[in-house]
Amino acid sequence: MDLKNNRITIEEILVFPRGRALLNRNFPEMMNPFLLVIAQKMILANILKLAQGPNAQDQVDKLLSDLRAI
């Protein structure tokens, strides 16, 4: 998948079932139907900034790698 330098919208990722599954696994809190309506218009770079925790960078790198492989 072309991530457009992380400027791809969440809506564009969700079109792909594997993309939806990856977002659901990495950002399950965002997959709430109410939040998803808002998040769909956000770009991937903004969502990735929300990743926090001790292994956040590793998770972000893995997500980006997996999305590119789609």
Protein backbone atom coordinates (compact mmCIF):
# COMPACT_ATOMS: atom_id res chain seq x y z
CA MET A 1 0.00 0.00 0.00
CA ASP A 2 1.24 3.46 -0.82
CA LEU A 3 1.16 5.36 2.47
CA LYS A 4 1.75 8.70 0.71
CA ASN A 5 4.53 9.59 3.12
CA ASN A 6 2.14 8.82 6.04
CA ARG A 7 -0.39 11.30 4.64
CA ILE A 8 -2.89 8.59 3.69
CA THR A 9 -6.24 8.97 5.45
CA ILE A 10 -7.55 6.36 7.83
CA GLU A 11 -10.57 6.03 5.56
CA GLU A 12 -8.31 4.96 2.69
CA ILE A 13 -6.66 2.33 4.88
CA LEU A 14 -10.00 0.98 6.08
CA VAL A 15 -10.99 0.13 2.50
CA PHE A 16 -8.57 -2.80 2.70
CA PRO A 17 -9.72 -5.59 5.06
CA ARG A 18 -6.09 -6.25 6.09
CA GLY A 19 -5.59 -2.54 6.73
CA ARG A 20 -8.69 -2.47 8.92
CA ALA A 21 -7.44 -5.52 10.83
CA LEU A 22 -4.03 -3.93 11.40
CA LEU A 23 -5.57 -0.72 12.73
CA ASN A 24 -7.93 -2.72 14.91
CA ARG A 25 -5.03 -4.68 16.39
CA ASN A 26 -2.80 -1.64 16.96
CA PHE A 27 -5.40 1.04 17.79
CA PRO A 28 -8.46 -0.81 19.10
CA GLU A 29 -9.68 2.27 20.97
CA MET A 30 -9.98 4.13 17.64
CA MET A 31 -12.21 1.42 16.14
CA ASN A 32 -15.13 2.53 18.31
CA PRO A 33 -17.91 3.42 15.79
CA PHE A 34 -18.29 6.94 17.19
CA LEU A 35 -14.57 7.71 17.13
CA LEU A 36 -14.12 6.07 13.76
CA VAL A 37 -16.41 8.62 12.12
CA ILE A 38 -14.06 11.37 13.27
CA ALA A 39 -10.81 9.44 12.77
CA GLN A 40 -11.57 8.48 9.15
CA LYS A 41 -10.61 11.95 7.94
CA MET A 42 -7.39 12.02 9.95
CA ILE A 43 -4.11 11.18 8.30
CA LEU A 44 -1.95 8.29 9.43
CA ALA A 45 0.82 10.59 10.70
CA ASN A 46 -1.59 12.18 13.21
CA ILE A 47 -2.82 8.81 14.45
CA LEU A 48 0.74 7.56 14.90
CA LYS A 49 1.49 10.54 17.16
CA LEU A 50 -1.08 9.15 19.59
CA ALA A 51 0.92 5.96 20.12
CA GLN A 52 2.38 5.95 23.62
CA GLY A 53 4.09 3.52 25.88
CA PRO A 54 7.45 1.86 26.33
CA ASN A 55 7.33 0.00 23.00
CA ALA A 56 5.39 2.59 21.03
CA GLN A 57 8.08 3.22 18.40
CA ASP A 58 8.52 -0.51 17.76
CA GLN A 59 4.77 -0.90 17.34
CA VAL A 60 4.59 2.07 14.97
CA ASP A 61 7.47 0.71 12.88
CA LYS A 62 5.80 -2.71 12.70
CA LEU A 63 2.45 -1.18 11.71
CA LEU A 64 4.04 0.89 8.95
CA SER A 65 5.90 -2.13 7.65
CA ASP A 66 2.74 -4.24 7.64
CA LEU A 67 0.71 -1.53 5.90
CA ARG A 68 3.34 -1.11 3.20
CA ALA A 69 3.20 -4.87 2.58
CA ILE A 70 -0.50 -4.74 1.71
